[in-house]
Each structure stands twice: as structure tokens, then as C-alpha cells.
Amino acid sequence: MAKFEECLQRLEKIVQELEKGDVPLEMSLTLFEEGMHLSSTCRKELEQAEGKVEILLKKNGKLQAEPFEPLTEKSPARG
């Protein structure tokens, strides 16, 4: 799952760079393209994880897929 977190962190950095508005147009396009690729990668990993959760639920005798609700960890506020 480290790959997902790495992609998400890089995507956040790209968004921050683009939101600043001081990036040249050519660089903005490059960052945007990289961001779209990272977004696609993250979405695919989430879909795979969702599929695995559904399979595990079915193996435990449940016939209907249930939504996956991840445990949220309370992290210290970033400052």
C-alpha cells in the first residue's frame, strides 16, 4: 500500500504547485499530466482494494457486498 500513499503525496504536492500560480505554462502542463497519471494509478489501486474487501466479505458467508469503511487514525495536526 506504500505505492498508494506515495502517489497521493506526490499528487498533493503537484496540486500545491499548480495552486500557487507562479509555474510557467509548459511546466504546469507537465505537472497536470503527471497528476492525471497519478490520479488514475490511485483510483486503480482503490478499486483493487475494494474488490479484495468484497471477496473477503463473501468468503465469510455474506452474499452481498458491503461498503469498505477504513479505520481512521487520529494523526497530529500538521503545523
C-alpha atoms as a PDB file:
ATOM      1  CA  MET A   1       0.000   0.000   0.000  1.00  0.00           C
ATOM      2  CA  ALA A   2       3.058   2.254   0.200  1.00  0.00           C
ATOM      3  CA  LYS A   3       2.725   2.935  -3.525  1.00  0.00           C
ATOM      4  CA  PHE A   4      -0.752   4.411  -2.998  1.00  0.00           C
ATOM      5  CA  GLU A   5       0.452   6.743  -0.244  1.00  0.00           C
ATOM      6  CA  GLU A   6       3.462   7.817  -2.321  1.00  0.00           C
ATOM      7  CA  CYS A   7       1.225   8.606  -5.295  1.00  0.00           C
ATOM      8  CA  LEU A   8      -1.186  10.540  -3.111  1.00  0.00           C
ATOM      9  CA  GLN A   9       1.601  12.603  -1.507  1.00  0.00           C
ATOM     10  CA  ARG A  10       3.078  13.451  -4.914  1.00  0.00           C
ATOM     11  CA  LEU A  11      -0.382  14.379  -6.195  1.00  0.00           C
ATOM     12  CA  GLU A  12      -0.861  16.743  -3.238  1.00  0.00           C
ATOM     13  CA  LYS A  13       2.484  18.428  -3.997  1.00  0.00           C
ATOM     14  CA  ILE A  14       1.505  18.874  -7.639  1.00  0.00           C
ATOM     15  CA  VAL A  15      -1.812  20.461  -6.659  1.00  0.00           C
ATOM     16  CA  GLN A  16       0.003  22.844  -4.293  1.00  0.00           C
ATOM     17  CA  GLU A  17       2.429  23.852  -7.059  1.00  0.00           C
ATOM     18  CA  LEU A  18      -0.373  24.465  -9.539  1.00  0.00           C
ATOM     19  CA  GLU A  19      -2.419  26.436  -6.991  1.00  0.00           C
ATOM     20  CA  LYS A  20       0.479  28.835  -6.401  1.00  0.00           C
ATOM     21  CA  GLY A  21       0.034  30.037  -9.959  1.00  0.00           C
ATOM     22  CA  ASP A  22       3.681  31.013 -10.472  1.00  0.00           C
ATOM     23  CA  VAL A  23       4.637  27.934 -12.524  1.00  0.00           C
ATOM     24  CA  PRO A  24       5.348  28.540 -16.235  1.00  0.00           C
ATOM     25  CA  LEU A  25       2.690  27.203 -18.617  1.00  0.00           C
ATOM     26  CA  GLU A  26       4.843  24.388 -20.032  1.00  0.00           C
ATOM     27  CA  MET A  27       5.713  23.191 -16.524  1.00  0.00           C
ATOM     28  CA  SER A  28       2.049  23.466 -15.480  1.00  0.00           C
ATOM     29  CA  LEU A  29       1.058  21.189 -18.346  1.00  0.00           C
ATOM     30  CA  THR A  30       3.757  18.681 -17.392  1.00  0.00           C
ATOM     31  CA  LEU A  31       2.631  18.725 -13.759  1.00  0.00           C
ATOM     32  CA  PHE A  32      -1.014  18.400 -14.784  1.00  0.00           C
ATOM     33  CA  GLU A  33      -0.209  15.389 -16.984  1.00  0.00           C
ATOM     34  CA  GLU A  34       1.734  13.737 -14.148  1.00  0.00           C
ATOM     35  CA  GLY A  35      -1.140  14.480 -11.769  1.00  0.00           C
ATOM     36  CA  MET A  36      -3.669  12.839 -14.080  1.00  0.00           C
ATOM     37  CA  HIS A  37      -1.470   9.734 -14.315  1.00  0.00           C
ATOM     38  CA  LEU A  38      -1.083   9.590 -10.517  1.00  0.00           C
ATOM     39  CA  SER A  39      -4.824  10.060 -10.058  1.00  0.00           C
ATOM     40  CA  SER A  40      -5.502   7.152 -12.396  1.00  0.00           C
ATOM     41  CA  THR A  41      -2.988   4.964 -10.554  1.00  0.00           C
ATOM     42  CA  CYS A  42      -4.553   5.779  -7.165  1.00  0.00           C
ATOM     43  CA  ARG A  43      -8.054   5.082  -8.483  1.00  0.00           C
ATOM     44  CA  LYS A  44      -6.978   1.670  -9.835  1.00  0.00           C
ATOM     45  CA  GLU A  45      -5.393   0.710  -6.523  1.00  0.00           C
ATOM     46  CA  LEU A  46      -8.535   1.738  -4.633  1.00  0.00           C
ATOM     47  CA  GLU A  47     -10.705  -0.325  -6.989  1.00  0.00           C
ATOM     48  CA  GLN A  48      -8.464  -3.357  -6.468  1.00  0.00           C
ATOM     49  CA  ALA A  49      -8.622  -2.937  -2.691  1.00  0.00           C
ATOM     50  CA  GLU A  50     -12.406  -2.595  -2.851  1.00  0.00           C
ATOM     51  CA  GLY A  51     -12.614  -5.819  -4.866  1.00  0.00           C
ATOM     52  CA  LYS A  52     -10.477  -7.651  -2.327  1.00  0.00           C
ATOM     53  CA  VAL A  53     -12.694  -6.452   0.523  1.00  0.00           C
ATOM     54  CA  GLU A  54     -15.791  -7.698  -1.298  1.00  0.00           C
ATOM     55  CA  ILE A  55     -14.189 -11.101  -1.887  1.00  0.00           C
ATOM     56  CA  LEU A  56     -13.214 -11.398   1.778  1.00  0.00           C
ATOM     57  CA  LEU A  57     -16.724 -10.499   2.889  1.00  0.00           C
ATOM     58  CA  LYS A  58     -18.204 -13.122   0.557  1.00  0.00           C
ATOM     59  CA  LYS A  59     -15.800 -15.758   1.886  1.00  0.00           C
ATOM     60  CA  ASN A  60     -17.098 -15.083   5.382  1.00  0.00           C
ATOM     61  CA  GLY A  61     -20.572 -16.181   4.352  1.00  0.00           C
ATOM     62  CA  LYS A  62     -22.025 -12.857   3.313  1.00  0.00           C
ATOM     63  CA  LEU A  63     -23.583 -12.917  -0.134  1.00  0.00           C
ATOM     64  CA  GLN A  64     -23.914  -9.184  -0.575  1.00  0.00           C
ATOM     65  CA  ALA A  65     -21.014  -6.763  -0.942  1.00  0.00           C
ATOM     66  CA  GLU A  66     -20.748  -4.200   1.815  1.00  0.00           C
ATOM     67  CA  PRO A  67     -19.009  -0.827   1.553  1.00  0.00           C
ATOM     68  CA  PHE A  68     -15.499  -0.714   2.904  1.00  0.00           C
ATOM     69  CA  GLU A  69     -15.096   1.709   5.794  1.00  0.00           C
ATOM     70  CA  PRO A  70     -11.418   2.121   6.658  1.00  0.00           C
ATOM     71  CA  LEU A  71     -10.397   2.727  10.235  1.00  0.00           C
ATOM     72  CA  THR A  72      -9.319   6.331  10.535  1.00  0.00           C
ATOM     73  CA  GLU A  73      -6.295   7.020  12.649  1.00  0.00           C
ATOM     74  CA  LYS A  74      -6.157  10.265  14.529  1.00  0.00           C
ATOM     75  CA  SER A  75      -2.984  11.947  13.402  1.00  0.00           C
ATOM     76  CA  PRO A  76      -1.449  15.038  14.983  1.00  0.00           C
ATOM     77  CA  ALA A  77      -2.335  18.290  13.281  1.00  0.00           C
ATOM     78  CA  ARG A  78       0.179  19.397  10.724  1.00  0.00           C
ATOM     79  CA  GLY A  79       1.633  22.766  11.541  1.00  0.00           C
END
